[in-house]
């Protein structure tokens, strides 16, 4: 009986975890859709973590640098490359980098707040 209750508790915790993740993901996507602002971000670091491989990226809001991270697949992205980023105008900590939308237009990169030095460091 005790073993059966233990399995039930594990199943309930797992279902609650799934529901929380679904709810969190739904709200995250909803916020980006409703109040998202598009800009340019630069990959600054790759790291491995207990939750899997991640990359850090940098983007600017009103001239101030912001940093975020994102899960990554190893698709050959390089530190110093620029990509489309969408962040929430309500909460800039809610952001997403789109690794399938690489930015190479130096005018866009400069307008987004990056320097000529950042562009010079961009992998060729």
PDB file of N, CA and C in Angstrom:
ATOM      1  N   UNK A   1       0.822  -1.196   0.000  1.00  0.00           N
ATOM      2  CA  UNK A   1       0.000   0.000   0.000  1.00  0.00           C
ATOM      3  C   UNK A   1       0.873   1.271   0.000  1.00  0.00           C
ATOM      4  N   UNK A   2       1.915   1.265   0.826  1.00  0.00           N
ATOM      5  CA  UNK A   2       2.803   2.417   0.914  1.00  0.00           C
ATOM      6  C   UNK A   2       3.519   2.650  -0.421  1.00  0.00           C
ATOM      7  N   UNK A   3       3.923   1.561  -1.075  1.00  0.00           N
ATOM      8  CA  UNK A   3       4.600   1.670  -2.366  1.00  0.00           C
ATOM      9  C   UNK A   3       3.657   2.257  -3.412  1.00  0.00           C
ATOM     10  N   UNK A   4       2.393   1.853  -3.377  1.00  0.00           N
ATOM     11  CA  UNK A   4       1.393   2.350  -4.317  1.00  0.00           C
ATOM     12  C   UNK A   4       1.168   3.849  -4.117  1.00  0.00           C
ATOM     13  N   UNK A   5       1.103   4.290  -2.873  1.00  0.00           N
ATOM     14  CA  UNK A   5       0.931   5.713  -2.580  1.00  0.00           C
ATOM     15  C   UNK A   5       2.146   6.514  -3.034  1.00  0.00           C
ATOM     16  N   UNK A   6       3.342   5.926  -2.906  1.00  0.00           N
ATOM     17  CA  UNK A   6       4.558   6.591  -3.362  1.00  0.00           C
ATOM     18  C   UNK A   6       4.521   6.829  -4.862  1.00  0.00           C
ATOM     19  N   UNK A   7       4.067   5.842  -5.630  1.00  0.00           N
ATOM     20  CA  UNK A   7       3.949   6.008  -7.079  1.00  0.00           C
ATOM     21  C   UNK A   7       2.931   7.088  -7.416  1.00  0.00           C
ATOM     22  N   UNK A   8       1.830   7.105  -6.681  1.00  0.00           N
ATOM     23  CA  UNK A   8       0.786   8.097  -6.916  1.00  0.00           C
ATOM     24  C   UNK A   8       1.319   9.511  -6.660  1.00  0.00           C
ATOM     25  N   UNK A   9       2.083   9.674  -5.601  1.00  0.00           N
ATOM     26  CA  UNK A   9       2.662  10.987  -5.291  1.00  0.00           C
ATOM     27  C   UNK A   9       3.609  11.423  -6.404  1.00  0.00           C
ATOM     28  N   UNK A  10       4.448  10.515  -6.889  1.00  0.00           N
ATOM     29  CA  UNK A  10       5.377  10.841  -7.978  1.00  0.00           C
ATOM     30  C   UNK A  10       4.606  11.240  -9.231  1.00  0.00           C
ATOM     31  N   UNK A  11       3.554  10.535  -9.550  1.00  0.00           N
ATOM     32  CA  UNK A  11       2.748  10.850 -10.739  1.00  0.00           C
ATOM     33  C   UNK A  11       2.086  12.218 -10.591  1.00  0.00           C
ATOM     34  N   UNK A  12       1.540  12.509  -9.419  1.00  0.00           N
ATOM     35  CA  UNK A  12       0.897  13.806  -9.191  1.00  0.00           C
ATOM     36  C   UNK A  12       1.915  14.934  -9.314  1.00  0.00           C
ATOM     37  N   UNK A  13       3.089  14.767  -8.735  1.00  0.00           N
ATOM     38  CA  UNK A  13       4.134  15.794  -8.829  1.00  0.00           C
ATOM     39  C   UNK A  13       4.548  15.996 -10.279  1.00  0.00           C
ATOM     40  N   UNK A  14       4.687  14.909 -11.027  1.00  0.00           N
ATOM     41  CA  UNK A  14       5.066  15.003 -12.437  1.00  0.00           C
ATOM     42  C   UNK A  14       4.002  15.752 -13.241  1.00  0.00           C
ATOM     43  N   UNK A  15       2.738  15.449 -13.011  1.00  0.00           N
ATOM     44  CA  UNK A  15       1.650  16.119 -13.736  1.00  0.00           C
ATOM     45  C   UNK A  15       1.626  17.611 -13.383  1.00  0.00           C
ATOM     46  N   UNK A  16       1.808  17.936 -12.108  1.00  0.00           N
ATOM     47  CA  UNK A  16       1.843  19.345 -11.704  1.00  0.00           C
ATOM     48  C   UNK A  16       3.013  20.076 -12.354  1.00  0.00           C
ATOM     49  N   UNK A  17       4.162  19.418 -12.435  1.00  0.00           N
ATOM     50  CA  UNK A  17       5.336  19.996 -13.091  1.00  0.00           C
ATOM     51  C   UNK A  17       5.049  20.265 -14.568  1.00  0.00           C
ATOM     52  N   UNK A  18       4.412  19.296 -15.237  1.00  0.00           N
ATOM     53  CA  UNK A  18       4.062  19.483 -16.651  1.00  0.00           C
ATOM     54  C   UNK A  18       3.100  20.661 -16.833  1.00  0.00           C
ATOM     55  N   UNK A  19       2.097  20.742 -15.976  1.00  0.00           N
ATOM     56  CA  UNK A  19       1.132  21.834 -16.067  1.00  0.00           C
ATOM     57  C   UNK A  19       1.803  23.184 -15.833  1.00  0.00           C
ATOM     58  N   UNK A  20       2.694  23.256 -14.865  1.00  0.00           N
ATOM     59  CA  UNK A  20       3.414  24.503 -14.596  1.00  0.00           C
ATOM     60  C   UNK A  20       4.237  24.915 -15.817  1.00  0.00           C
ATOM     61  N   UNK A  21       4.976  23.977 -16.399  1.00  0.00           N
ATOM     62  CA  UNK A  21       5.809  24.300 -17.565  1.00  0.00           C
ATOM     63  C   UNK A  21       4.971  24.726 -18.756  1.00  0.00           C
ATOM     64  N   UNK A  22       3.844  24.085 -18.966  1.00  0.00           N
ATOM     65  CA  UNK A  22       2.947  24.470 -20.055  1.00  0.00           C
ATOM     66  C   UNK A  22       2.433  25.891 -19.826  1.00  0.00           C
ATOM     67  N   UNK A  23       1.980  26.175 -18.611  1.00  0.00           N
ATOM     68  CA  UNK A  23       1.447  27.498 -18.266  1.00  0.00           C
ATOM     69  C   UNK A  23       2.519  28.574 -18.426  1.00  0.00           C
ATOM     70  N   UNK A  24       3.715  28.302 -17.913  1.00  0.00           N
ATOM     71  CA  UNK A  24       4.828  29.261 -18.008  1.00  0.00           C
ATOM     72  C   UNK A  24       5.194  29.524 -19.475  1.00  0.00           C
ATOM     73  N   UNK A  25       5.307  28.481 -20.275  1.00  0.00           N
ATOM     74  CA  UNK A  25       5.630  28.629 -21.691  1.00  0.00           C
ATOM     75  C   UNK A  25       4.558  29.388 -22.449  1.00  0.00           C
ATOM     76  N   UNK A  26       3.306  29.108 -22.137  1.00  0.00           N
ATOM     77  CA  UNK A  26       2.190  29.787 -22.790  1.00  0.00           C
ATOM     78  C   UNK A  26       2.237  31.286 -22.486  1.00  0.00           C
ATOM     79  N   UNK A  27       2.431  31.641 -21.214  1.00  0.00           N
ATOM     80  CA  UNK A  27       2.474  33.058 -20.834  1.00  0.00           C
ATOM     81  C   UNK A  27       3.692  33.765 -21.424  1.00  0.00           C
ATOM     82  N   UNK A  28       4.813  33.078 -21.489  1.00  0.00           N
ATOM     83  CA  UNK A  28       6.038  33.630 -22.062  1.00  0.00           C
ATOM     84  C   UNK A  28       5.805  33.984 -23.533  1.00  0.00           C
ATOM     85  N   UNK A  29       5.272  33.028 -24.278  1.00  0.00           N
ATOM     86  CA  UNK A  29       4.995  33.255 -25.706  1.00  0.00           C
ATOM     87  C   UNK A  29       3.943  34.335 -25.905  1.00  0.00           C
ATOM     88  N   UNK A  30       2.924  34.346 -25.045  1.00  0.00           N
ATOM     89  CA  UNK A  30       1.859  35.346 -25.146  1.00  0.00           C
ATOM     90  C   UNK A  30       2.420  36.741 -24.918  1.00  0.00           C
ATOM     91  N   UNK A  31       3.286  36.895 -23.919  1.00  0.00           N
ATOM     92  CA  UNK A  31       3.867  38.204 -23.638  1.00  0.00           C
ATOM     93  C   UNK A  31       4.723  38.693 -24.808  1.00  0.00           C
ATOM     94  N   UNK A  32       5.520  37.798 -25.393  1.00  0.00           N
ATOM     95  CA  UNK A  32       6.337  38.203 -26.545  1.00  0.00           C
ATOM     96  C   UNK A  32       5.467  38.576 -27.734  1.00  0.00           C
ATOM     97  N   UNK A  33       4.377  37.871 -27.909  1.00  0.00           N
ATOM     98  CA  UNK A  33       3.488  38.157 -29.046  1.00  0.00           C
ATOM     99  C   UNK A  33       2.770  39.495 -28.848  1.00  0.00           C
ATOM    100  N   UNK A  34       2.321  39.768 -27.625  1.00  0.00           N
ATOM    101  CA  UNK A  34       1.536  40.969 -27.363  1.00  0.00           C
ATOM    102  C   UNK A  34       2.380  42.228 -27.175  1.00  0.00           C
ATOM    103  N   UNK A  35       3.579  42.090 -26.594  1.00  0.00           N
ATOM    104  CA  UNK A  35       4.363  43.295 -26.306  1.00  0.00           C
ATOM    105  C   UNK A  35       5.826  43.129 -26.713  1.00  0.00           C
ATOM    106  N   UNK A  36       6.064  42.283 -27.713  1.00  0.00           N
ATOM    107  CA  UNK A  36       7.434  42.045 -28.148  1.00  0.00           C
ATOM    108  C   UNK A  36       7.985  43.149 -29.027  1.00  0.00           C
ATOM    109  N   UNK A  37       9.250  43.451 -28.820  1.00  0.00           N
ATOM    110  CA  UNK A  37       9.985  44.424 -29.634  1.00  0.00           C
ATOM    111  C   UNK A  37      11.160  43.690 -30.275  1.00  0.00           C
ATOM    112  N   UNK A  38      11.348  43.910 -31.560  1.00  0.00           N
ATOM    113  CA  UNK A  38      12.399  43.223 -32.305  1.00  0.00           C
ATOM    114  C   UNK A  38      13.675  44.064 -32.278  1.00  0.00           C
ATOM    115  N   UNK A  39      14.798  43.407 -32.049  1.00  0.00           N
ATOM    116  CA  UNK A  39      16.100  44.054 -32.079  1.00  0.00           C
ATOM    117  C   UNK A  39      17.139  43.039 -32.551  1.00  0.00           C
ATOM    118  N   UNK A  40      18.398  43.377 -32.384  1.00  0.00           N
ATOM    119  CA  UNK A  40      19.504  42.503 -32.766  1.00  0.00           C
ATOM    120  C   UNK A  40      20.246  42.098 -31.500  1.00  0.00           C
ATOM    121  N   UNK A  41      20.613  40.835 -31.415  1.00  0.00           N
ATOM    122  CA  UNK A  41      21.392  40.347 -30.289  1.00  0.00           C
ATOM    123  C   UNK A  41      22.646  39.649 -30.765  1.00  0.00           C
ATOM    124  N   UNK A  42      23.647  39.601 -29.893  1.00  0.00           N
ATOM    125  CA  UNK A  42      24.922  38.972 -30.232  1.00  0.00           C
ATOM    126  C   UNK A  42      25.200  37.837 -29.245  1.00  0.00           C
ATOM    127  N   UNK A  43      25.618  36.685 -29.767  1.00  0.00           N
ATOM    128  CA  UNK A  43      26.011  35.572 -28.908  1.00  0.00           C
ATOM    129  C   UNK A  43      27.313  35.946 -28.205  1.00  0.00           C
ATOM    130  N   UNK A  44      27.328  35.787 -26.881  1.00  0.00           N
ATOM    131  CA  UNK A  44      28.510  36.166 -26.105  1.00  0.00           C
ATOM    132  C   UNK A  44      29.213  34.967 -25.471  1.00  0.00           C
ATOM    133  N   UNK A  45      28.501  33.853 -25.307  1.00  0.00           N
ATOM    134  CA  UNK A  45      29.112  32.723 -24.606  1.00  0.00           C
ATOM    135  C   UNK A  45      28.267  31.467 -24.811  1.00  0.00           C
ATOM    136  N   UNK A  46      28.937  30.337 -24.852  1.00  0.00           N
ATOM    137  CA  UNK A  46      28.274  29.037 -24.820  1.00  0.00           C
ATOM    138  C   UNK A  46      28.599  28.403 -23.480  1.00  0.00           C
ATOM    139  N   UNK A  47      27.648  27.700 -22.924  1.00  0.00           N
ATOM    140  CA  UNK A  47      27.918  27.024 -21.663  1.00  0.00           C
ATOM    141  C   UNK A  47      27.066  25.775 -21.554  1.00  0.00           C
ATOM    142  N   UNK A  48      27.582  24.841 -20.807  1.00  0.00           N
ATOM    143  CA  UNK A  48      26.822  23.644 -20.489  1.00  0.00           C
ATOM    144  C   UNK A  48      26.299  23.801 -19.083  1.00  0.00           C
ATOM    145  N   UNK A  49      25.129  23.308 -18.855  1.00  0.00           N
ATOM    146  CA  UNK A  49      24.531  23.405 -17.525  1.00  0.00           C
ATOM    147  C   UNK A  49      23.776  22.114 -17.245  1.00  0.00           C
ATOM    148  N   UNK A  50      23.377  21.957 -16.012  1.00  0.00           N
ATOM    149  CA  UNK A  50      22.640  20.758 -15.627  1.00  0.00           C
ATOM    150  C   UNK A  50      21.375  20.598 -16.464  1.00  0.00           C
ATOM    151  N   UNK A  51      20.819  21.736 -16.887  1.00  0.00           N
ATOM    152  CA  UNK A  51      19.601  21.675 -17.696  1.00  0.00           C
ATOM    153  C   UNK A  51      19.880  21.572 -19.187  1.00  0.00           C
ATOM    154  N   UNK A  52      21.148  21.436 -19.574  1.00  0.00           N
ATOM    155  CA  UNK A  52      21.512  21.250 -20.970  1.00  0.00           C
ATOM    156  C   UNK A  52      22.365  22.388 -21.476  1.00  0.00           C
ATOM    157  N   UNK A  53      22.775  22.316 -22.748  1.00  0.00           N
ATOM    158  CA  UNK A  53      23.626  23.367 -23.308  1.00  0.00           C
ATOM    159  C   UNK A  53      22.842  24.670 -23.509  1.00  0.00           C
ATOM    160  N   UNK A  54      23.482  25.769 -23.162  1.00  0.00           N
ATOM    161  CA  UNK A  54      22.876  27.089 -23.274  1.00  0.00           C
ATOM    162  C   UNK A  54      23.831  28.045 -23.962  1.00  0.00           C
ATOM    163  N   UNK A  55      23.284  29.130 -24.475  1.00  0.00           N
ATOM    164  CA  UNK A  55      24.110  30.213 -24.967  1.00  0.00           C
ATOM    165  C   UNK A  55      23.652  31.494 -24.302  1.00  0.00           C
ATOM    166  N   UNK A  56      24.587  32.380 -24.056  1.00  0.00           N
ATOM    167  CA  UNK A  56      24.272  33.716 -23.544  1.00  0.00           C
ATOM    168  C   UNK A  56      24.262  34.666 -24.724  1.00  0.00           C
ATOM    169  N   UNK A  57      23.390  35.665 -24.650  1.00  0.00           N
ATOM    170  CA  UNK A  57      23.375  36.679 -25.689  1.00  0.00           C
ATOM    171  C   UNK A  57      23.135  38.053 -25.085  1.00  0.00           C
ATOM    172  N   UNK A  58      23.547  39.049 -25.836  1.00  0.00           N
ATOM    173  CA  UNK A  58      23.492  40.442 -25.402  1.00  0.00           C
ATOM    174  C   UNK A  58      22.650  41.214 -26.400  1.00  0.00           C
ATOM    175  N   UNK A  59      21.846  42.148 -25.881  1.00  0.00           N
ATOM    176  CA  UNK A  59      21.103  43.065 -26.730  1.00  0.00           C
ATOM    177  C   UNK A  59      20.933  44.378 -25.974  1.00  0.00           C
ATOM    178  N   UNK A  60      20.561  45.419 -26.692  1.00  0.00           N
ATOM    179  CA  UNK A  60      20.462  46.749 -26.097  1.00  0.00           C
ATOM    180  C   UNK A  60      19.020  47.226 -26.061  1.00  0.00           C
ATOM    181  N   UNK A  61      18.681  47.913 -24.956  1.00  0.00           N
ATOM    182  CA  UNK A  61      17.397  48.601 -24.822  1.00  0.00           C
ATOM    183  C   UNK A  61      17.724  50.024 -24.386  1.00  0.00           C
ATOM    184  N   UNK A  62      17.364  50.994 -25.202  1.00  0.00           N
ATOM    185  CA  UNK A  62      17.632  52.404 -24.905  1.00  0.00           C
ATOM    186  C   UNK A  62      19.095  52.647 -24.535  1.00  0.00           C
ATOM    187  N   UNK A  63      19.998  52.011 -25.252  1.00  0.00           N
ATOM    188  CA  UNK A  63      21.422  52.205 -25.030  1.00  0.00           C
ATOM    189  C   UNK A  63      22.023  51.412 -23.887  1.00  0.00           C
ATOM    190  N   UNK A  64      21.198  50.702 -23.144  1.00  0.00           N
ATOM    191  CA  UNK A  64      21.683  49.883 -22.019  1.00  0.00           C
ATOM    192  C   UNK A  64      21.757  48.419 -22.431  1.00  0.00           C
ATOM    193  N   UNK A  65      22.879  47.781 -22.106  1.00  0.00           N
ATOM    194  CA  UNK A  65      23.027  46.377 -22.483  1.00  0.00           C
ATOM    195  C   UNK A  65      22.240  45.473 -21.552  1.00  0.00           C
ATOM    196  N   UNK A  66      21.660  44.445 -22.131  1.00  0.00           N
ATOM    197  CA  UNK A  66      20.907  43.425 -21.412  1.00  0.00           C
ATOM    198  C   UNK A  66      21.467  42.071 -21.818  1.00  0.00           C
ATOM    199  N   UNK A  67      21.450  41.151 -20.886  1.00  0.00           N
ATOM    200  CA  UNK A  67      21.946  39.809 -21.155  1.00  0.00           C
ATOM    201  C   UNK A  67      20.853  38.799 -20.862  1.00  0.00           C
ATOM    202  N   UNK A  68      20.821  37.758 -21.653  1.00  0.00           N
ATOM    203  CA  UNK A  68      19.869  36.679 -21.445  1.00  0.00           C
ATOM    204  C   UNK A  68      20.524  35.381 -21.888  1.00  0.00           C
ATOM    205  N   UNK A  69      19.815  34.283 -21.697  1.00  0.00           N
ATOM    206  CA  UNK A  69      20.325  33.005 -22.186  1.00  0.00           C
ATOM    207  C   UNK A  69      19.205  32.222 -22.832  1.00  0.00           C
ATOM    208  N   UNK A  70      19.603  31.190 -23.553  1.00  0.00           N
ATOM    209  CA  UNK A  70      18.640  30.403 -24.304  1.00  0.00           C
ATOM    210  C   UNK A  70      19.180  28.991 -24.478  1.00  0.00           C
ATOM    211  N   UNK A  71      18.294  27.996 -24.423  1.00  0.00           N
ATOM    212  CA  UNK A  71      18.765  26.648 -24.758  1.00  0.00           C
ATOM    213  C   UNK A  71      19.281  26.658 -26.190  1.00  0.00           C
ATOM    214  N   UNK A  72      20.240  25.812 -26.482  1.00  0.00           N
ATOM    215  CA  UNK A  72      20.775  25.814 -27.843  1.00  0.00           C
ATOM    216  C   UNK A  72      20.976  24.400 -28.346  1.00  0.00           C
ATOM    217  N   UNK A  73      20.839  24.281 -29.640  1.00  0.00           N
ATOM    218  CA  UNK A  73      21.287  23.093 -30.353  1.00  0.00           C
ATOM    219  C   UNK A  73      22.643  23.475 -30.911  1.00  0.00           C
ATOM    220  N   UNK A  74      23.470  22.514 -31.146  1.00  0.00           N
ATOM    221  CA  UNK A  74      24.784  22.828 -31.693  1.00  0.00           C
ATOM    222  C   UNK A  74      24.680  22.897 -33.210  1.00  0.00           C
ATOM    223  N   UNK A  75      24.251  24.068 -33.707  1.00  0.00           N
ATOM    224  CA  UNK A  75      24.050  24.253 -35.148  1.00  0.00           C
ATOM    225  C   UNK A  75      25.170  25.042 -35.797  1.00  0.00           C
ATOM    226  N   UNK A  76      26.292  25.181 -35.123  1.00  0.00           N
ATOM    227  CA  UNK A  76      27.422  25.871 -35.710  1.00  0.00           C
ATOM    228  C   UNK A  76      27.457  27.366 -35.464  1.00  0.00           C
ATOM    229  N   UNK A  77      26.561  27.893 -34.609  1.00  0.00           N
ATOM    230  CA  UNK A  77      26.622  29.314 -34.297  1.00  0.00           C
ATOM    231  C   UNK A  77      27.945  29.601 -33.602  1.00  0.00           C
ATOM    232  N   UNK A  78      28.397  30.837 -33.741  1.00  0.00           N
ATOM    233  CA  UNK A  78      29.686  31.215 -33.180  1.00  0.00           C
ATOM    234  C   UNK A  78      29.533  32.435 -32.283  1.00  0.00           C
ATOM    235  N   UNK A  79      30.404  32.516 -31.281  1.00  0.00           N
ATOM    236  CA  UNK A  79      30.440  33.706 -30.434  1.00  0.00           C
ATOM    237  C   UNK A  79      30.736  34.905 -31.320  1.00  0.00           C
ATOM    238  N   UNK A  80      29.973  35.967 -31.125  1.00  0.00           N
ATOM    239  CA  UNK A  80      30.150  37.184 -31.917  1.00  0.00           C
ATOM    240  C   UNK A  80      29.197  37.309 -33.085  1.00  0.00           C
ATOM    241  N   UNK A  81      28.416  36.264 -33.367  1.00  0.00           N
ATOM    242  CA  UNK A  81      27.433  36.356 -34.454  1.00  0.00           C
ATOM    243  C   UNK A  81      26.174  37.064 -33.941  1.00  0.00           C
ATOM    244  N   UNK A  82      25.457  37.703 -34.867  1.00  0.00           N
ATOM    245  CA  UNK A  82      24.273  38.489 -34.545  1.00  0.00           C
ATOM    246  C   UNK A  82      23.020  37.806 -35.083  1.00  0.00           C
ATOM    247  N   UNK A  83      21.950  37.866 -34.278  1.00  0.00           N
ATOM    248  CA  UNK A  83      20.684  37.238 -34.640  1.00  0.00           C
ATOM    249  C   UNK A  83      19.525  38.126 -34.192  1.00  0.00           C
ATOM    250  N   UNK A  84      18.363  37.852 -34.745  1.00  0.00           N
ATOM    251  CA  UNK A  84      17.136  38.534 -34.338  1.00  0.00           C
ATOM    252  C   UNK A  84      16.817  38.161 -32.890  1.00  0.00           C
ATOM    253  N   UNK A  85      16.434  39.165 -32.108  1.00  0.00           N
ATOM    254  CA  UNK A  85      15.991  38.970 -30.731  1.00  0.00           C
ATOM    255  C   UNK A  85      14.656  39.690 -30.566  1.00  0.00           C
ATOM    256  N   UNK A  86      13.737  39.067 -29.853  1.00  0.00           N
ATOM    257  CA  UNK A  86      12.482  39.713 -29.473  1.00  0.00           C
ATOM    258  C   UNK A  86      12.441  39.728 -27.949  1.00  0.00           C
ATOM    259  N   UNK A  87      12.156  40.906 -27.386  1.00  0.00           N
ATOM    260  CA  UNK A  87      12.024  41.024 -25.939  1.00  0.00           C
ATOM    261  C   UNK A  87      10.713  41.726 -25.605  1.00  0.00           C
ATOM    262  N   UNK A  88      10.242  41.530 -24.399  1.00  0.00           N
ATOM    263  CA  UNK A  88       8.994  42.138 -23.955  1.00  0.00           C
ATOM    264  C   UNK A  88       9.241  43.571 -23.503  1.00  0.00           C
ATOM    265  N   UNK A  89       8.419  44.491 -23.983  1.00  0.00           N
ATOM    266  CA  UNK A  89       8.524  45.884 -23.540  1.00  0.00           C
ATOM    267  C   UNK A  89       8.102  46.022 -22.074  1.00  0.00           C
ATOM    268  N   UNK A  90       7.311  45.095 -21.584  1.00  0.00           N
ATOM    269  CA  UNK A  90       6.861  45.124 -20.188  1.00  0.00           C
ATOM    270  C   UNK A  90       7.906  44.535 -19.244  1.00  0.00           C
ATOM    271  N   UNK A  91       8.623  43.524 -19.736  1.00  0.00           N
ATOM    272  CA  UNK A  91       9.595  42.815 -18.908  1.00  0.00           C
ATOM    273  C   UNK A  91      10.724  42.318 -19.803  1.00  0.00           C
ATOM    274  N   UNK A  92      11.801  43.085 -19.937  1.00  0.00           N
ATOM    275  CA  UNK A  92      12.888  42.706 -20.851  1.00  0.00           C
ATOM    276  C   UNK A  92      13.561  41.377 -20.518  1.00  0.00           C
ATOM    277  N   UNK A  93      13.332  40.851 -19.317  1.00  0.00           N
ATOM    278  CA  UNK A  93      13.885  39.533 -18.995  1.00  0.00           C
ATOM    279  C   UNK A  93      13.212  38.442 -19.816  1.00  0.00           C
ATOM    280  N   UNK A  94      12.054  38.759 -20.361  1.00  0.00           N
ATOM    281  CA  UNK A  94      11.364  37.831 -21.267  1.00  0.00           C
ATOM    282  C   UNK A  94      11.880  38.145 -22.664  1.00  0.00           C
ATOM    283  N   UNK A  95      12.734  37.274 -23.165  1.00  0.00           N
ATOM    284  CA  UNK A  95      13.328  37.502 -24.477  1.00  0.00           C
ATOM    285  C   UNK A  95      13.607  36.172 -25.161  1.00  0.00           C
ATOM    286  N   UNK A  96      13.760  36.231 -26.461  1.00  0.00           N
ATOM    287  CA  UNK A  96      14.064  35.029 -27.243  1.00  0.00           C
ATOM    288  C   UNK A  96      14.980  35.414 -28.388  1.00  0.00           C
ATOM    289  N   UNK A  97      16.005  34.611 -28.607  1.00  0.00           N
ATOM    290  CA  UNK A  97      16.896  34.790 -29.749  1.00  0.00           C
ATOM    291  C   UNK A  97      16.489  33.791 -30.819  1.00  0.00           C
ATOM    292  N   UNK A  98      16.455  34.237 -32.056  1.00  0.00           N
ATOM    293  CA  UNK A  98      16.041  33.390 -33.178  1.00  0.00           C
ATOM    294  C   UNK A  98      17.280  33.014 -33.976  1.00  0.00           C
ATOM    295  N   UNK A  99      17.819  31.841 -33.697  1.00  0.00           N
ATOM    296  CA  UNK A  99      19.065  31.404 -34.315  1.00  0.00           C
ATOM    297  C   UNK A  99      18.916  31.068 -35.796  1.00  0.00           C
ATOM    298  N   UNK A 100      17.693  31.023 -36.273  1.00  0.00           N
ATOM    299  CA  UNK A 100      17.471  30.786 -37.698  1.00  0.00           C
ATOM    300  C   UNK A 100      17.376  32.104 -38.478  1.00  0.00           C
ATOM    301  N   UNK A 101      17.552  33.243 -37.770  1.00  0.00           N
ATOM    302  CA  UNK A 101      17.483  34.551 -38.425  1.00  0.00           C
ATOM    303  C   UNK A 101      18.754  35.349 -38.119  1.00  0.00           C
ATOM    304  N   UNK A 102      19.815  34.975 -38.813  1.00  0.00           N
ATOM    305  CA  UNK A 102      21.116  35.625 -38.646  1.00  0.00           C
ATOM    306  C   UNK A 102      21.080  37.024 -39.255  1.00  0.00           C
ATOM    307  N   UNK A 103      21.702  37.980 -38.560  1.00  0.00           N
ATOM    308  CA  UNK A 103      21.760  39.369 -39.017  1.00  0.00           C
ATOM    309  C   UNK A 103      23.197  39.681 -39.435  1.00  0.00           C
ATOM    310  N   UNK A 104      23.362  40.116 -40.675  1.00  0.00           N
ATOM    311  CA  UNK A 104      24.693  40.500 -41.160  1.00  0.00           C
ATOM    312  C   UNK A 104      24.731  41.954 -41.620  1.00  0.00           C
ATOM    313  N   UNK A 105      23.583  42.608 -41.651  1.00  0.00           N
ATOM    314  CA  UNK A 105      23.498  44.002 -42.082  1.00  0.00           C
ATOM    315  C   UNK A 105      24.120  44.896 -40.996  1.00  0.00           C
ATOM    316  N   UNK A 106      25.290  45.471 -41.306  1.00  0.00           N
ATOM    317  CA  UNK A 106      26.009  46.255 -40.297  1.00  0.00           C
ATOM    318  C   UNK A 106      25.233  47.500 -39.862  1.00  0.00           C
ATOM    319  N   UNK A 107      24.418  48.049 -40.734  1.00  0.00           N
ATOM    320  CA  UNK A 107      23.605  49.212 -40.362  1.00  0.00           C
ATOM    321  C   UNK A 107      22.612  48.841 -39.269  1.00  0.00           C
ATOM    322  N   UNK A 108      21.941  47.700 -39.426  1.00  0.00           N
ATOM    323  CA  UNK A 108      21.005  47.233 -38.397  1.00  0.00           C
ATOM    324  C   UNK A 108      21.726  46.951 -37.082  1.00  0.00           C
ATOM    325  N   UNK A 109      22.896  46.359 -37.177  1.00  0.00           N
ATOM    326  CA  UNK A 109      23.661  46.013 -35.978  1.00  0.00           C
ATOM    327  C   UNK A 109      24.065  47.282 -35.233  1.00  0.00           C
ATOM    328  N   UNK A 110      24.528  48.291 -35.949  1.00  0.00           N
ATOM    329  CA  UNK A 110      24.907  49.552 -35.316  1.00  0.00           C
ATOM    330  C   UNK A 110      23.697  50.269 -34.714  1.00  0.00           C
ATOM    331  N   UNK A 111      22.570  50.284 -35.437  1.00  0.00           N
ATOM    332  CA  UNK A 111      21.352  50.918 -34.926  1.00  0.00           C
ATOM    333  C   UNK A 111      20.841  50.222 -33.669  1.00  0.00           C
ATOM    334  N   UNK A 112      21.140  48.931 -33.530  1.00  0.00           N
ATOM    335  CA  UNK A 112      20.687  48.171 -32.364  1.00  0.00           C
ATOM    336  C   UNK A 112      21.530  48.468 -31.129  1.00  0.00           C
ATOM    337  N   UNK A 113      22.643  49.221 -31.296  1.00  0.00           N
ATOM    338  CA  UNK A 113      23.439  49.615 -30.142  1.00  0.00           C
ATOM    339  C   UNK A 113      24.833  49.034 -30.077  1.00  0.00           C
ATOM    340  N   UNK A 114      25.173  48.168 -31.009  1.00  0.00           N
ATOM    341  CA  UNK A 114      26.500  47.562 -30.997  1.00  0.00           C
ATOM    342  C   UNK A 114      27.515  48.518 -31.619  1.00  0.00           C
ATOM    343  N   UNK A 115      28.769  48.280 -31.313  1.00  0.00           N
ATOM    344  CA  UNK A 115      29.838  49.159 -31.787  1.00  0.00           C
ATOM    345  C   UNK A 115      30.496  48.598 -33.051  1.00  0.00           C
ATOM    346  N   UNK A 116      31.308  49.436 -33.677  1.00  0.00           N
ATOM    347  CA  UNK A 116      32.083  48.990 -34.836  1.00  0.00           C
ATOM    348  C   UNK A 116      33.047  47.877 -34.426  1.00  0.00           C
ATOM    349  N   UNK A 117      33.557  47.951 -33.183  1.00  0.00           N
ATOM    350  CA  UNK A 117      34.457  46.909 -32.676  1.00  0.00           C
ATOM    351  C   UNK A 117      33.739  45.559 -32.590  1.00  0.00           C
ATOM    352  N   UNK A 118      32.467  45.595 -32.171  1.00  0.00           N
ATOM    353  CA  UNK A 118      31.686  44.354 -32.122  1.00  0.00           C
ATOM    354  C   UNK A 118      31.552  43.742 -33.515  1.00  0.00           C
ATOM    355  N   UNK A 119      31.319  44.600 -34.485  1.00  0.00           N
ATOM    356  CA  UNK A 119      31.161  44.129 -35.867  1.00  0.00           C
ATOM    357  C   UNK A 119      32.487  43.571 -36.386  1.00  0.00           C
ATOM    358  N   UNK A 120      33.587  44.217 -36.049  1.00  0.00           N
ATOM    359  CA  UNK A 120      34.894  43.733 -36.495  1.00  0.00           C
ATOM    360  C   UNK A 120      35.235  42.372 -35.925  1.00  0.00           C
ATOM    361  N   UNK A 121      34.711  42.061 -34.747  1.00  0.00           N
ATOM    362  CA  UNK A 121      34.946  40.769 -34.099  1.00  0.00           C
ATOM    363  C   UNK A 121      34.025  39.670 -34.653  1.00  0.00           C
ATOM    364  N   UNK A 122      33.048  40.074 -35.461  1.00  0.00           N
ATOM    365  CA  UNK A 122      32.089  39.121 -35.993  1.00  0.00           C
ATOM    366  C   UNK A 122      32.810  38.064 -36.846  1.00  0.00           C
ATOM    367  N   UNK A 123      32.532  36.786 -36.596  1.00  0.00           N
ATOM    368  CA  UNK A 123      33.168  35.741 -37.400  1.00  0.00           C
ATOM    369  C   UNK A 123      32.823  35.896 -38.871  1.00  0.00           C
ATOM    370  N   UNK A 124      33.776  35.612 -39.717  1.00  0.00           N
ATOM    371  CA  UNK A 124      33.565  35.732 -41.168  1.00  0.00           C
ATOM    372  C   UNK A 124      33.026  34.439 -41.730  1.00  0.00           C
TER     373      UNK A 124
END
